[in-house]
């Protein structure tokens, strides 16, 4: 009897031991799988967070022309550039991330903000293309493909289903490609008018975008701003009265959002300005304004230098630590001022 009880106790202890071993092995296996998944996610997040390389608008236009067996005409370079910018949003490593709801992209915010900055410039340029660049005068008809492309790019940038954003933007890209193909067809009605007033119309939009980005970046340290909303017009009115002084400061959770949105927006604008340098070459030469445009591009290119820190630092203006937002705002402000001068030169020169 005693031997039977002893053997039963041994069996129970052995069974319990094997159960603990199996459980520990399962836990170890699950831990290893989880660690591998996290490692893969980390690598993907780092890879997908790398912005695309710069490209030559002229080279892109020639490649597009070769694929479609077309000639390079006025407007080909600018149109090919905006097409390539939109395609980059959809086809870069990781694809379009702003509307993703699955890991690891759902945990990322820097690249989605970069994408939104690029998207805003694509929207602005497509609007200028529809309203100004493709029309000879205010009474002329809109281009049939640009009527499709412009509103499609204004579709919700974060829609992931019914329909996904990528589908809407792809339709806009296809419409731009049809317009691009028709530019070099003598039998088609598509036109791109490289005139000073059309360039001024687009620069006015880009100028306001840069001004807004500069103000948002400068608010990283907080500052008291004097209300200048009605300055220069004593008869002007506004809907509701504002305080004579306002305190503006960006919440710390939005510092990197503003920084990477500005970085993406400027990246796209650099390429569009380089394309304009080619398509509007005669206009710029006549106004002796090409050097001014190239200086703007050089100022903006300084914002694309490598960021040597994993986080966006927000030191005070003259403190011990860097403030990346203020550095970015400095370059953008100088480019914005130069763009104002360029626009006035094109209007009056």
Protein backbone atom coordinates (compact mmCIF):
# COMPACT_ATOMS: atom_id res chain seq x y z
CA UNK A 1 0.00 0.00 0.00
CA UNK A 2 2.79 2.39 0.94
CA UNK A 3 4.64 1.52 -2.27
CA UNK A 4 1.51 2.31 -4.31
CA UNK A 5 1.08 5.71 -2.66
CA UNK A 6 4.74 6.47 -3.19
CA UNK A 7 4.56 5.55 -6.88
CA UNK A 8 1.42 7.66 -7.35
CA UNK A 9 3.14 10.62 -5.75
CA UNK A 10 6.15 10.16 -8.03
CA UNK A 11 3.88 10.00 -11.08
CA UNK A 12 2.03 13.17 -10.04
CA UNK A 13 5.25 15.04 -9.43
CA UNK A 14 6.66 13.84 -12.75
CA UNK A 15 3.50 14.87 -14.60
CA UNK A 16 3.53 18.27 -12.93
CA UNK A 17 7.20 18.69 -13.82
CA UNK A 18 6.59 17.85 -17.48
CA UNK A 19 3.62 20.22 -17.55
CA UNK A 20 5.81 23.04 -16.24
CA UNK A 21 8.50 22.19 -18.80
CA UNK A 22 5.97 22.22 -21.65
CA UNK A 23 4.53 25.47 -20.37
CA UNK A 24 7.97 27.07 -20.07
CA UNK A 25 8.87 25.87 -23.58
CA UNK A 26 5.63 27.33 -24.94
CA UNK A 27 6.28 30.61 -23.13
CA UNK A 28 9.84 30.68 -24.45
CA UNK A 29 8.62 29.96 -27.98
CA UNK A 30 5.97 32.68 -27.79
CA UNK A 31 8.51 35.10 -26.36
CA UNK A 32 10.93 34.36 -29.20
CA UNK A 33 8.16 34.80 -31.81
CA UNK A 34 7.10 38.10 -30.23
CA UNK A 35 10.71 39.33 -30.09
CA UNK A 36 11.21 38.41 -33.77
CA UNK A 37 8.01 40.23 -34.76
CA UNK A 38 9.02 43.31 -32.83
CA UNK A 39 12.46 43.20 -34.44
CA UNK A 40 10.94 42.93 -37.92
CA UNK A 41 8.52 45.75 -37.14
CA UNK A 42 11.39 47.94 -35.90
CA UNK A 43 13.42 47.34 -39.06
CA UNK A 44 10.38 48.09 -41.24
CA UNK A 45 9.61 51.27 -39.31
CA UNK A 46 13.19 52.52 -39.76
CA UNK A 47 13.20 51.60 -43.47
CA UNK A 48 9.79 53.09 -44.19
CA UNK A 49 10.69 56.29 -42.32
CA UNK A 50 13.48 57.11 -44.77
CA UNK A 51 12.33 59.82 -47.20
CA UNK A 52 12.71 59.14 -50.94
CA UNK A 53 15.80 60.43 -52.68
CA UNK A 54 15.73 63.65 -54.66
CA UNK A 55 15.30 63.35 -58.42
CA UNK A 56 15.84 65.44 -61.53
CA UNK A 57 12.56 66.78 -62.98
CA UNK A 58 14.14 66.95 -66.44
CA UNK A 59 15.22 63.30 -66.29
CA UNK A 60 11.77 62.24 -65.11
CA UNK A 61 10.14 64.15 -67.97
CA UNK A 62 12.40 62.50 -70.56
CA UNK A 63 11.71 59.05 -69.12
CA UNK A 64 7.97 59.72 -69.24
CA UNK A 65 8.25 60.97 -72.82
CA UNK A 66 10.21 57.87 -73.89
CA UNK A 67 7.64 55.52 -72.35
CA UNK A 68 4.79 57.27 -74.15
CA UNK A 69 6.75 58.01 -77.36
CA UNK A 70 6.15 61.76 -76.99
CA UNK A 71 8.10 64.96 -77.42
CA UNK A 72 9.11 67.32 -74.62
CA UNK A 73 7.00 70.46 -74.95
CA UNK A 74 6.22 73.44 -72.72
CA UNK A 75 4.71 72.10 -69.50
CA UNK A 76 5.95 68.53 -69.92
CA UNK A 77 8.56 68.82 -67.17
CA UNK A 78 6.25 70.41 -64.59
CA UNK A 79 3.43 67.96 -65.31
CA UNK A 80 5.75 64.94 -65.20
CA UNK A 81 7.16 66.23 -61.90
CA UNK A 82 3.80 66.51 -60.16
CA UNK A 83 2.88 63.05 -61.49
CA UNK A 84 6.10 61.61 -60.09
CA UNK A 85 5.54 63.29 -56.71
CA UNK A 86 2.08 61.73 -56.46
CA UNK A 87 3.36 58.32 -57.56
CA UNK A 88 6.14 58.55 -54.96
CA UNK A 89 3.49 58.84 -52.23
CA UNK A 90 1.96 55.55 -53.33
CA UNK A 91 5.02 53.59 -54.43
CA UNK A 92 7.82 54.47 -51.97
CA UNK A 93 8.97 51.80 -49.47
CA UNK A 94 5.97 50.88 -47.35
CA UNK A 95 3.58 52.52 -49.79
CA UNK A 96 1.11 55.13 -48.63
CA UNK A 97 1.09 54.99 -44.81
CA UNK A 98 -1.27 57.79 -43.75
CA UNK A 99 -4.38 55.58 -43.88
CA UNK A 100 -2.87 52.33 -42.55
CA UNK A 101 -4.59 50.69 -39.57
CA UNK A 102 -2.25 47.72 -39.08
CA UNK A 103 1.16 47.52 -37.40
CA UNK A 104 3.83 48.63 -37.78
CA UNK A 105 2.68 51.64 -39.86
CA UNK A 106 -0.15 52.44 -37.43
CA UNK A 107 2.53 53.25 -34.84
CA UNK A 108 4.35 55.66 -37.15
CA UNK A 109 3.59 59.37 -37.39
CA UNK A 110 6.68 61.03 -38.89
CA UNK A 111 6.28 59.57 -42.37
CA UNK A 112 2.49 60.15 -42.52
CA UNK A 113 3.12 63.82 -41.71
CA UNK A 114 5.83 63.93 -44.38
CA UNK A 115 3.33 62.44 -46.83
CA UNK A 116 0.76 65.08 -45.96
CA UNK A 117 3.28 67.84 -46.63
CA UNK A 118 3.96 66.42 -50.10
CA UNK A 119 0.24 65.95 -50.70
CA UNK A 120 -0.52 69.60 -49.91
CA UNK A 121 1.98 70.75 -52.54
CA UNK A 122 0.53 68.32 -55.09
CA UNK A 123 -2.96 69.64 -54.32
CA UNK A 124 -1.84 73.26 -54.65
CA UNK A 125 -0.03 72.70 -57.92
CA UNK A 126 -2.88 70.69 -59.44
CA UNK A 127 -5.28 73.49 -58.49
CA UNK A 128 -3.00 76.06 -60.14
CA UNK A 129 -2.69 73.78 -63.15
CA UNK A 130 -6.46 73.56 -63.49
CA UNK A 131 -7.27 77.22 -62.82
CA UNK A 132 -4.30 79.09 -64.32
CA UNK A 133 -1.52 77.20 -66.06
CA UNK A 134 -3.76 75.31 -68.51
CA UNK A 135 -6.03 78.26 -69.36
CA UNK A 136 -5.27 81.17 -71.66
CA UNK A 137 -7.72 83.54 -69.96
CA UNK A 138 -10.42 83.62 -67.29
CA UNK A 139 -13.20 82.88 -69.80
CA UNK A 140 -11.49 79.83 -71.33
CA UNK A 141 -12.77 76.31 -70.63
CA UNK A 142 -11.15 74.05 -68.04
CA UNK A 143 -9.19 71.03 -69.20
CA UNK A 144 -11.33 67.89 -69.02
CA UNK A 145 -8.67 65.75 -67.30
CA UNK A 146 -7.61 68.40 -64.81
CA UNK A 147 -11.25 68.74 -63.79
CA UNK A 148 -10.96 65.11 -62.64
CA UNK A 149 -7.45 65.24 -61.15
CA UNK A 150 -7.81 68.31 -58.93
CA UNK A 151 -10.78 67.15 -56.78
CA UNK A 152 -9.47 63.57 -56.62
CA UNK A 153 -6.31 64.72 -54.86
CA UNK A 154 -8.50 66.50 -52.31
CA UNK A 155 -10.07 63.22 -51.23
CA UNK A 156 -9.69 62.30 -47.53
CA UNK A 157 -6.01 61.45 -47.00
CA UNK A 158 -6.77 58.96 -44.19
CA UNK A 159 -9.57 56.86 -45.69
CA UNK A 160 -8.56 53.18 -45.57
CA UNK A 161 -11.73 51.58 -46.93
CA UNK A 162 -14.82 52.35 -49.03
CA UNK A 163 -12.87 53.63 -50.94
CA UNK A 164 -9.22 53.58 -49.92
CA UNK A 165 -7.30 56.79 -50.48
CA UNK A 166 -4.86 55.09 -52.85
CA UNK A 167 -7.63 54.30 -55.34
CA UNK A 168 -8.76 57.93 -55.50
CA UNK A 169 -5.23 59.27 -55.87
CA UNK A 170 -4.45 56.70 -58.57
CA UNK A 171 -7.42 58.00 -60.58
CA UNK A 172 -6.03 61.53 -60.22
CA UNK A 173 -2.61 60.37 -61.43
CA UNK A 174 -4.18 58.65 -64.44
CA UNK A 175 -6.01 61.87 -65.30
CA UNK A 176 -2.75 63.85 -65.08
CA UNK A 177 -1.06 61.30 -67.34
CA UNK A 178 -3.79 61.74 -69.93
CA UNK A 179 -3.32 65.52 -69.77
CA UNK A 180 0.45 65.06 -70.05
CA UNK A 181 0.03 62.86 -73.13
CA UNK A 182 -2.28 65.37 -74.78
CA UNK A 183 0.19 68.26 -74.28
CA UNK A 184 2.43 67.05 -77.11
CA UNK A 185 -0.45 66.06 -79.40
CA UNK A 186 -1.16 68.83 -81.95
CA UNK A 187 -4.66 67.46 -82.44
CA UNK A 188 -5.52 67.63 -78.72
CA UNK A 189 -6.77 70.69 -76.87
CA UNK A 190 -4.46 70.44 -73.86
CA UNK A 191 -2.22 73.44 -73.21
CA UNK A 192 0.29 74.70 -70.65
CA UNK A 193 0.79 78.47 -70.81
CA UNK A 194 4.23 79.43 -69.49
CA UNK A 195 3.44 83.08 -68.82
CA UNK A 196 4.65 85.34 -66.04
CA UNK A 197 1.14 85.88 -64.63
CA UNK A 198 0.53 82.11 -64.42
CA UNK A 199 3.83 81.56 -62.61
CA UNK A 200 2.95 84.41 -60.24
CA UNK A 201 -0.43 82.81 -59.47
CA UNK A 202 1.22 79.55 -58.37
CA UNK A 203 4.03 81.29 -56.49
CA UNK A 204 1.43 83.23 -54.49
CA UNK A 205 -0.03 79.93 -53.27
CA UNK A 206 3.39 78.44 -52.48
CA UNK A 207 4.38 81.65 -50.71
CA UNK A 208 1.43 81.41 -48.31
CA UNK A 209 2.18 77.75 -47.61
CA UNK A 210 5.76 78.60 -46.66
CA UNK A 211 4.58 81.47 -44.48
CA UNK A 212 2.17 79.22 -42.61
CA UNK A 213 4.82 76.53 -42.10
CA UNK A 214 7.30 79.11 -40.84
CA UNK A 215 4.82 80.47 -38.27
CA UNK A 216 3.90 77.02 -36.99
CA UNK A 217 7.53 76.00 -36.66
CA UNK A 218 8.48 79.24 -34.90
CA UNK A 219 5.75 78.66 -32.31
CA UNK A 220 7.72 75.68 -30.96
CA UNK A 221 9.25 77.85 -28.22
CA UNK A 222 6.18 80.00 -27.64
CA UNK A 223 6.02 83.68 -28.32
CA UNK A 224 3.82 86.73 -27.87
CA UNK A 225 2.58 87.97 -31.25
CA UNK A 226 1.04 91.35 -31.98
CA UNK A 227 -2.20 91.11 -33.93
CA UNK A 228 -1.51 92.48 -37.44
CA UNK A 229 -4.61 91.05 -39.11
CA UNK A 230 -5.95 94.43 -40.24
CA UNK A 231 -2.66 96.29 -40.64
CA UNK A 232 -2.41 98.60 -43.64
CA UNK A 233 -6.12 99.24 -44.17
CA UNK A 234 -7.88 101.54 -41.68
CA UNK A 235 -11.29 100.72 -43.19
CA UNK A 236 -10.88 96.94 -42.90
CA UNK A 237 -13.08 94.80 -40.65
CA UNK A 238 -13.12 91.20 -39.52
CA UNK A 239 -15.86 88.85 -38.32
CA UNK A 240 -14.95 88.81 -34.62
CA UNK A 241 -12.48 90.90 -32.66
CA UNK A 242 -9.19 89.39 -31.53
CA UNK A 243 -6.88 90.42 -28.70
CA UNK A 244 -4.15 92.92 -29.58
CA UNK A 245 -1.56 90.36 -28.42
CA UNK A 246 -1.71 86.58 -28.63
CA UNK A 247 0.44 83.88 -27.06
CA UNK A 248 1.15 81.02 -29.46
CA UNK A 249 2.97 77.83 -28.51
CA UNK A 250 2.95 74.46 -30.24
CA UNK A 251 2.03 71.53 -27.93
CA UNK A 252 5.01 69.24 -27.42
CA UNK A 253 3.06 66.35 -28.97
CA UNK A 254 2.84 68.25 -32.28
CA UNK A 255 6.45 69.41 -32.59
CA UNK A 256 7.61 66.48 -34.72
CA UNK A 257 4.33 66.52 -36.69
CA UNK A 258 4.92 70.10 -37.82
CA UNK A 259 8.60 69.45 -38.49
CA UNK A 260 8.10 66.46 -40.78
CA UNK A 261 5.11 68.01 -42.53
CA UNK A 262 7.31 71.01 -43.35
CA UNK A 263 10.12 68.73 -44.47
CA UNK A 264 7.83 66.85 -46.86
CA UNK A 265 6.19 70.00 -48.17
CA UNK A 266 9.53 71.65 -48.91
CA UNK A 267 10.87 68.45 -50.53
CA UNK A 268 8.00 68.51 -53.02
CA UNK A 269 8.25 72.27 -53.56
CA UNK A 270 11.96 72.04 -54.42
CA UNK A 271 11.21 69.71 -57.32
CA UNK A 272 8.31 71.81 -58.56
CA UNK A 273 10.49 74.93 -58.53
CA UNK A 274 13.21 73.10 -60.46
CA UNK A 275 10.60 72.07 -63.02
CA UNK A 276 9.42 75.69 -63.27
CA UNK A 277 13.03 76.73 -63.85
CA UNK A 278 12.90 74.68 -67.06
CA UNK A 279 9.36 75.30 -68.28
CA UNK A 280 9.46 79.04 -67.54
CA UNK A 281 13.08 79.52 -68.62
CA UNK A 282 12.30 82.19 -71.22
CA UNK A 283 10.03 84.12 -68.87
CA UNK A 284 12.61 84.05 -66.09
CA UNK A 285 15.40 85.09 -68.47
CA UNK A 286 13.37 88.03 -69.79
CA UNK A 287 12.73 89.24 -66.24
CA UNK A 288 16.33 88.46 -65.23
CA UNK A 289 14.81 86.40 -62.41
CA UNK A 290 16.36 82.98 -62.81
CA UNK A 291 19.08 83.65 -60.24
CA UNK A 292 16.38 84.62 -57.73
CA UNK A 293 14.57 81.33 -58.30
CA UNK A 294 17.77 79.33 -57.95
CA UNK A 295 18.55 81.07 -54.65
CA UNK A 296 15.12 80.07 -53.33
CA UNK A 297 15.82 76.47 -54.31
CA UNK A 298 19.20 76.57 -52.57
CA UNK A 299 17.66 77.90 -49.35
CA UNK A 300 15.01 75.18 -49.40
CA UNK A 301 17.51 72.41 -50.13
CA UNK A 302 19.22 73.23 -46.82
CA UNK A 303 16.09 71.96 -45.01
CA UNK A 304 16.67 68.46 -46.42
CA UNK A 305 20.00 67.81 -44.72
CA UNK A 306 20.36 64.61 -42.72
CA UNK A 307 18.78 64.71 -39.26
CA UNK A 308 21.37 63.28 -36.85
CA UNK A 309 19.06 62.67 -33.90
CA UNK A 310 16.18 60.20 -33.40
CA UNK A 311 13.95 62.89 -31.89
CA UNK A 312 13.09 66.49 -32.71
CA UNK A 313 14.78 68.62 -30.05
CA UNK A 314 13.00 71.71 -28.77
CA UNK A 315 15.61 73.73 -26.94
CA UNK A 316 15.04 77.40 -26.27
CA UNK A 317 16.15 79.90 -28.89
CA UNK A 318 19.54 80.59 -27.27
CA UNK A 319 19.68 77.59 -24.93
CA UNK A 320 22.15 74.73 -24.60
CA UNK A 321 20.22 72.35 -26.82
CA UNK A 322 19.21 72.62 -30.47
CA UNK A 323 15.76 73.56 -31.64
CA UNK A 324 15.20 71.80 -34.95
CA UNK A 325 11.92 73.60 -35.58
CA UNK A 326 13.57 77.03 -35.38
CA UNK A 327 16.37 75.93 -37.73
CA UNK A 328 13.81 74.70 -40.26
CA UNK A 329 11.78 77.91 -39.84
CA UNK A 330 14.89 80.01 -40.49
CA UNK A 331 15.53 78.43 -43.90
CA UNK A 332 11.84 78.52 -44.86
CA UNK A 333 11.47 82.17 -43.81
CA UNK A 334 14.42 83.24 -45.97
CA UNK A 335 13.04 81.30 -48.93
CA UNK A 336 9.60 82.81 -48.33
CA UNK A 337 11.00 86.35 -48.34
CA UNK A 338 12.93 85.62 -51.53
CA UNK A 339 9.78 84.18 -53.13
CA UNK A 340 7.87 87.39 -52.33
CA UNK A 341 10.62 89.38 -54.06
CA UNK A 342 10.56 87.02 -57.04
CA UNK A 343 6.81 87.33 -57.41
CA UNK A 344 7.03 91.15 -57.33
CA UNK A 345 9.85 91.06 -59.88
CA UNK A 346 7.73 88.94 -62.23
CA UNK A 347 4.79 91.30 -61.79
CA UNK A 348 6.69 94.56 -62.20
CA UNK A 349 10.08 93.76 -63.75
